[in-house]
C-alpha atoms as a PDB file:
ATOM      1  CA  MET A   1      93.859-208.960-210.196  1.00  0.00           C
ATOM      2  CA  PRO A   2      92.012-211.532-208.000  1.00  0.00           C
ATOM      3  CA  ASP A   3      91.184-210.790-204.365  1.00  0.00           C
ATOM      4  CA  PRO A   4      93.712-212.683-202.069  1.00  0.00           C
ATOM      5  CA  GLY A   5      91.303-212.425-199.128  1.00  0.00           C
ATOM      6  CA  PRO A   6      89.515-215.837-199.474  1.00  0.00           C
ATOM      7  CA  VAL A   7      92.789-217.746-200.085  1.00  0.00           C
ATOM      8  CA  PHE A   8      94.451-216.012-197.139  1.00  0.00           C
ATOM      9  CA  ARG A   9      91.490-216.759-194.837  1.00  0.00           C
ATOM     10  CA  ALA A  10      91.358-220.423-195.919  1.00  0.00           C
ATOM     11  CA  SER A  11      95.100-220.950-195.351  1.00  0.00           C
ATOM     12  CA  THR A  12      94.907-219.220-191.958  1.00  0.00           C
ATOM     13  CA  LEU A  13      91.985-221.456-190.968  1.00  0.00           C
ATOM     14  CA  LEU A  14      93.914-224.583-192.076  1.00  0.00           C
ATOM     15  CA  VAL A  15      96.982-223.591-190.010  1.00  0.00           C
ATOM     16  CA  ALA A  16      94.781-222.920-186.971  1.00  0.00           C
ATOM     17  CA  MET A  17      93.014-226.296-187.327  1.00  0.00           C
ATOM     18  CA  LEU A  18      96.339-228.153-187.578  1.00  0.00           C
ATOM     19  CA  GLY A  19      97.598-226.354-184.485  1.00  0.00           C
ATOM     20  CA  LEU A  20      94.476-227.229-182.501  1.00  0.00           C
ATOM     21  CA  ALA A  21      94.640-230.854-183.665  1.00  0.00           C
ATOM     22  CA  ALA A  22      98.263-231.080-182.465  1.00  0.00           C
ATOM     23  CA  CYS A  23      97.295-229.733-179.036  1.00  0.00           C
ATOM     24  CA  SER A  24      94.365-232.097-178.674  1.00  0.00           C
ATOM     25  CA  GLY A  25      96.333-235.272-179.371  1.00  0.00           C
ATOM     26  CA  VAL A  26      94.362-236.008-182.568  1.00  0.00           C
ATOM     27  CA  SER A  27      96.562-237.349-185.343  1.00  0.00           C
ATOM     28  CA  MET A  28      96.155-235.972-188.838  1.00  0.00           C
ATOM     29  CA  PRO A  29      96.772-238.354-191.763  1.00  0.00           C
ATOM     30  CA  GLY A  30     100.102-237.553-193.354  1.00  0.00           C
ATOM     31  CA  PHE A  31     101.281-235.471-190.388  1.00  0.00           C
ATOM     32  CA  GLY A  32     102.246-238.281-188.006  1.00  0.00           C
ATOM     33  CA  SER A  33     100.954-238.937-184.548  1.00  0.00           C
ATOM     34  CA  SER A  34     101.076-236.216-181.950  1.00  0.00           C
ATOM     35  CA  THR A  35     101.229-238.697-179.066  1.00  0.00           C
ATOM     36  CA  GLN A  36     104.388-240.507-178.010  1.00  0.00           C
ATOM     37  CA  PRO A  37     104.393-244.315-178.085  1.00  0.00           C
ATOM     38  CA  ALA A  38     104.361-246.010-174.699  1.00  0.00           C
ATOM     39  CA  GLU A  39     107.888-246.492-173.385  1.00  0.00           C
ATOM     40  CA  GLU A  40     108.833-250.133-173.192  1.00  0.00           C
ATOM     41  CA  PRO A  41     110.446-251.409-170.023  1.00  0.00           C
ATOM     42  CA  ALA A  42     114.237-251.398-170.047  1.00  0.00           C
ATOM     43  CA  VAL A  43     115.836-254.764-170.609  1.00  0.00           C
ATOM     44  CA  PRO A  44     118.821-255.326-168.346  1.00  0.00           C
ATOM     45  CA  VAL A  45     122.131-255.535-170.207  1.00  0.00           C
ATOM     46  CA  ALA A  46     123.549-257.743-167.459  1.00  0.00           C
ATOM     47  CA  SER A  47     122.330-260.163-164.846  1.00  0.00           C
ATOM     48  CA  MET A  48     122.514-258.014-161.719  1.00  0.00           C
ATOM     49  CA  ALA A  49     121.363-260.574-159.156  1.00  0.00           C
ATOM     50  CA  GLY A  50     124.036-261.388-156.625  1.00  0.00           C
ATOM     51  CA  ARG A  51     126.948-259.815-154.768  1.00  0.00           C
ATOM     52  CA  TRP A  52     128.859-256.865-156.229  1.00  0.00           C
ATOM     53  CA  LEU A  53     131.791-254.818-154.967  1.00  0.00           C
ATOM     54  CA  LEU A  54     131.294-251.045-155.095  1.00  0.00           C
ATOM     55  CA  ASN A  55     134.606-249.166-155.144  1.00  0.00           C
ATOM     56  CA  SER A  56     135.205-245.435-154.891  1.00  0.00           C
ATOM     57  CA  PRO A  57     138.971-244.834-155.263  1.00  0.00           C
ATOM     58  CA  GLY A  58     140.382-243.052-152.242  1.00  0.00           C
ATOM     59  CA  ARG A  59     137.042-243.247-150.406  1.00  0.00           C
ATOM     60  CA  GLY A  60     136.529-246.958-149.803  1.00  0.00           C
ATOM     61  CA  GLN A  61     134.543-249.949-150.936  1.00  0.00           C
ATOM     62  CA  CYS A  62     131.729-252.206-149.822  1.00  0.00           C
ATOM     63  CA  VAL A  63     129.756-255.256-150.865  1.00  0.00           C
ATOM     64  CA  MET A  64     126.231-254.793-152.220  1.00  0.00           C
ATOM     65  CA  THR A  65     123.690-257.521-152.873  1.00  0.00           C
ATOM     66  CA  PHE A  66     121.465-256.873-155.894  1.00  0.00           C
ATOM     67  CA  SER A  67     118.112-258.599-156.272  1.00  0.00           C
ATOM     68  CA  ALA A  68     116.962-260.066-159.557  1.00  0.00           C
ATOM     69  CA  PRO A  69     114.638-257.759-161.523  1.00  0.00           C
ATOM     70  CA  ALA A  70     110.903-258.315-161.219  1.00  0.00           C
ATOM     71  CA  GLY A  71     109.846-259.721-164.600  1.00  0.00           C
ATOM     72  CA  ASN A  72     111.139-257.626-167.513  1.00  0.00           C
ATOM     73  CA  SER A  73     111.135-254.410-165.488  1.00  0.00           C
ATOM     74  CA  GLY A  74     114.897-253.888-165.529  1.00  0.00           C
ATOM     75  CA  GLU A  75     114.910-252.773-161.901  1.00  0.00           C
ATOM     76  CA  GLY A  76     115.367-254.289-158.474  1.00  0.00           C
ATOM     77  CA  THR A  77     116.559-253.685-154.935  1.00  0.00           C
ATOM     78  CA  VAL A  78     120.024-253.237-153.412  1.00  0.00           C
ATOM     79  CA  ALA A  79     121.193-254.221-149.931  1.00  0.00           C
ATOM     80  CA  PRO A  80     124.478-252.488-149.053  1.00  0.00           C
ATOM     81  CA  GLN A  81     126.639-254.171-146.441  1.00  0.00           C
ATOM     82  CA  GLY A  82     128.531-252.048-143.916  1.00  0.00           C
ATOM     83  CA  GLY A  83     131.071-249.332-144.552  1.00  0.00           C
ATOM     84  CA  CYS A  84     129.953-248.052-147.952  1.00  0.00           C
ATOM     85  CA  PRO A  85     131.718-244.853-149.045  1.00  0.00           C
ATOM     86  CA  GLY A  86     129.878-241.548-149.387  1.00  0.00           C
ATOM     87  CA  LYS A  87     126.112-241.896-149.352  1.00  0.00           C
ATOM     88  CA  PHE A  88     126.115-245.383-150.874  1.00  0.00           C
ATOM     89  CA  PHE A  89     125.032-246.866-147.530  1.00  0.00           C
ATOM     90  CA  THR A  90     121.574-245.437-148.443  1.00  0.00           C
ATOM     91  CA  SER A  91     121.390-247.450-151.715  1.00  0.00           C
ATOM     92  CA  ARG A  92     118.071-249.274-152.009  1.00  0.00           C
ATOM     93  CA  LYS A  93     117.132-249.539-155.705  1.00  0.00           C
ATOM     94  CA  TRP A  94     118.809-250.150-159.050  1.00  0.00           C
ATOM     95  CA  ALA A  95     117.413-249.717-162.556  1.00  0.00           C
ATOM     96  CA  PHE A  96     118.522-249.751-166.171  1.00  0.00           C
ATOM     97  CA  GLN A  97     117.455-246.532-167.898  1.00  0.00           C
ATOM     98  CA  GLN A  98     118.500-245.691-171.440  1.00  0.00           C
ATOM     99  CA  GLY A  99     121.254-248.292-171.339  1.00  0.00           C
ATOM    100  CA  GLU A 100     122.770-247.097-168.057  1.00  0.00           C
ATOM    101  CA  LEU A 101     122.659-248.580-164.583  1.00  0.00           C
ATOM    102  CA  ILE A 102     121.304-246.139-161.986  1.00  0.00           C
ATOM    103  CA  LEU A 103     121.627-246.617-158.210  1.00  0.00           C
ATOM    104  CA  ARG A 104     119.028-244.788-156.092  1.00  0.00           C
ATOM    105  CA  ASP A 105     118.764-244.127-152.370  1.00  0.00           C
ATOM    106  CA  HIS A 106     115.864-244.852-150.004  1.00  0.00           C
ATOM    107  CA  THR A 107     114.040-241.693-151.214  1.00  0.00           C
ATOM    108  CA  GLY A 108     114.466-242.491-154.926  1.00  0.00           C
ATOM    109  CA  LYS A 109     117.206-239.889-155.442  1.00  0.00           C
ATOM    110  CA  PRO A 110     119.984-241.008-157.852  1.00  0.00           C
ATOM    111  CA  LEU A 111     123.330-241.812-156.217  1.00  0.00           C
ATOM    112  CA  ALA A 112     125.345-242.883-159.275  1.00  0.00           C
ATOM    113  CA  GLN A 113     125.180-243.670-162.987  1.00  0.00           C
ATOM    114  CA  PHE A 114     127.165-246.534-164.532  1.00  0.00           C
ATOM    115  CA  ALA A 115     127.969-247.743-168.031  1.00  0.00           C
ATOM    116  CA  GLY A 116     129.206-251.215-168.902  1.00  0.00           C
ATOM    117  CA  GLU A 117     127.992-254.754-168.970  1.00  0.00           C
ATOM    118  CA  GLY A 118     128.822-258.203-167.775  1.00  0.00           C
ATOM    119  CA  ALA A 119     130.879-258.260-164.599  1.00  0.00           C
ATOM    120  CA  GLN A 120     132.052-254.617-164.508  1.00  0.00           C
ATOM    121  CA  PHE A 121     130.393-251.211-164.554  1.00  0.00           C
ATOM    122  CA  GLU A 122     132.163-247.852-164.382  1.00  0.00           C
ATOM    123  CA  GLY A 123     130.559-244.527-163.620  1.00  0.00           C
ATOM    124  CA  LYS A 124     130.285-241.456-161.473  1.00  0.00           C
ATOM    125  CA  ALA A 125     128.517-240.724-158.234  1.00  0.00           C
ATOM    126  CA  THR A 126     126.198-237.716-158.297  1.00  0.00           C
ATOM    127  CA  SER A 127     128.819-235.988-156.134  1.00  0.00           C
ATOM    128  CA  GLY A 128     131.321-236.384-158.996  1.00  0.00           C
ATOM    129  CA  GLU A 129     133.716-239.075-157.790  1.00  0.00           C
ATOM    130  CA  PRO A 130     134.422-242.093-160.027  1.00  0.00           C
ATOM    131  CA  VAL A 131     132.912-245.412-158.916  1.00  0.00           C
ATOM    132  CA  THR A 132     133.018-248.991-160.153  1.00  0.00           C
ATOM    133  CA  LEU A 133     130.885-252.070-159.608  1.00  0.00           C
ATOM    134  CA  THR A 134     132.542-255.483-160.100  1.00  0.00           C
ATOM    135  CA  ARG A 135     131.588-259.073-159.415  1.00  0.00           C
END
């Protein structure tokens, strides 16, 4: 019966080399790349530039002016106008991320997430209440 020692050592060495290659970011032919492709900027699903009405049922509403995105970045600024419900008076930035519209406050903290396109978006504030954005 042949000695399994050399085969066992060779297979152990191969597994160790593949593991080290995966940790180092080196791609091995036939095993795919171990690095993630660069994430492309989000493309807005709607033209956000202009005036929008933010409504939180039972809490109030206010007008917000959205800037046009800078280039293909899919993000811009927000200028809330008086009397916004909840913490929406702190809204300063908007961005499309993974197909959703995100409103962020002056510190970059998310305030709400919306789905939709065109002239109406529906979503939830981070505090849980439903919110809508309409033209």
